[in-house]
Amino acid sequence: MGTIDGARTYDDLVDASLSMEFDGRQIRVLKLEELLAIKTRAGRPKDLAAIPYIESTIAEARRVKE
């Protein structure tokens, strides 16, 4: 498995992830706040383009929790 965000591995990121069911299987996905931080640090155009969508998804998830 590869690395992201300055050589961080799966083991480095597992605490910043959630376990969820997808298609009948348990998978781990990064928490949106961690994904936002990684995309911001990466700073590539494709990462920066995703930031508004991640931010709005975080805001909506918080709104729904209230």
Protein backbone atom coordinates (compact mmCIF):
# COMPACT_ATOMS: atom_id res chain seq x y z
CA MET A 1 0.00 0.00 0.00
CA GLY A 2 1.24 3.50 -0.79
CA THR A 3 1.54 6.64 1.27
CA ILE A 4 -0.11 10.07 1.25
CA ASP A 5 0.38 13.42 2.88
CA GLY A 6 4.12 13.41 3.42
CA ALA A 7 4.67 9.66 3.64
CA ARG A 8 1.80 8.84 6.04
CA THR A 9 0.78 5.20 5.88
CA TYR A 10 -2.47 3.36 6.54
CA ASP A 11 -1.36 2.75 10.12
CA ASP A 12 -0.68 6.48 10.56
CA LEU A 13 -4.17 7.37 9.35
CA VAL A 14 -6.32 4.65 10.92
CA ASP A 15 -7.13 6.82 13.95
CA ALA A 16 -8.34 9.55 11.58
CA SER A 17 -10.78 7.19 9.88
CA LEU A 18 -14.21 5.70 10.42
CA SER A 19 -15.41 2.17 9.85
CA MET A 20 -18.54 1.88 7.74
CA GLU A 21 -20.42 -0.71 5.76
CA PHE A 22 -20.32 -0.50 1.98
CA ASP A 23 -21.79 -3.12 -0.32
CA GLY A 24 -22.01 -5.58 2.56
CA ARG A 25 -18.38 -5.08 3.67
CA GLN A 26 -16.73 -3.09 6.43
CA ILE A 27 -14.37 -0.45 5.05
CA ARG A 28 -12.39 2.40 6.59
CA VAL A 29 -12.69 5.93 5.23
CA LEU A 30 -10.93 9.10 6.30
CA LYS A 31 -12.91 11.49 8.43
CA LEU A 32 -13.88 14.51 6.34
CA GLU A 33 -11.89 16.89 8.55
CA GLU A 34 -8.73 14.85 7.97
CA LEU A 35 -9.40 14.65 4.23
CA LEU A 36 -9.83 18.44 4.17
CA ALA A 37 -6.52 18.95 5.97
CA ILE A 38 -4.70 16.59 3.59
CA LYS A 39 -6.17 18.25 0.50
CA THR A 40 -5.28 21.70 1.85
CA ARG A 41 -1.66 20.69 2.53
CA ALA A 42 -1.33 19.04 -0.88
CA GLY A 43 -2.26 22.30 -2.56
CA ARG A 44 -2.51 20.83 -6.06
CA PRO A 45 -5.20 22.32 -8.28
CA LYS A 46 -7.28 19.12 -8.20
CA ASP A 47 -7.07 19.02 -4.38
CA LEU A 48 -7.91 22.70 -4.01
CA ALA A 49 -10.90 22.24 -6.32
CA ALA A 50 -12.30 19.59 -3.96
CA ILE A 51 -12.05 21.76 -0.83
CA PRO A 52 -15.34 23.69 -1.19
CA TYR A 53 -17.23 20.42 -1.64
CA ILE A 54 -15.61 18.84 1.41
CA GLU A 55 -16.28 21.97 3.48
CA SER A 56 -19.93 22.06 2.46
CA THR A 57 -20.31 18.36 3.23
CA ILE A 58 -18.81 18.90 6.70
CA ALA A 59 -21.18 21.83 7.31
CA GLU A 60 -24.19 19.81 6.18
CA ALA A 61 -23.24 16.84 8.36
CA ARG A 62 -22.94 19.15 11.37
CA ARG A 63 -26.29 20.78 10.57
CA VAL A 64 -28.02 17.42 10.35
CA LYS A 65 -26.56 16.35 13.73
CA GLU A 66 -28.12 19.38 15.45
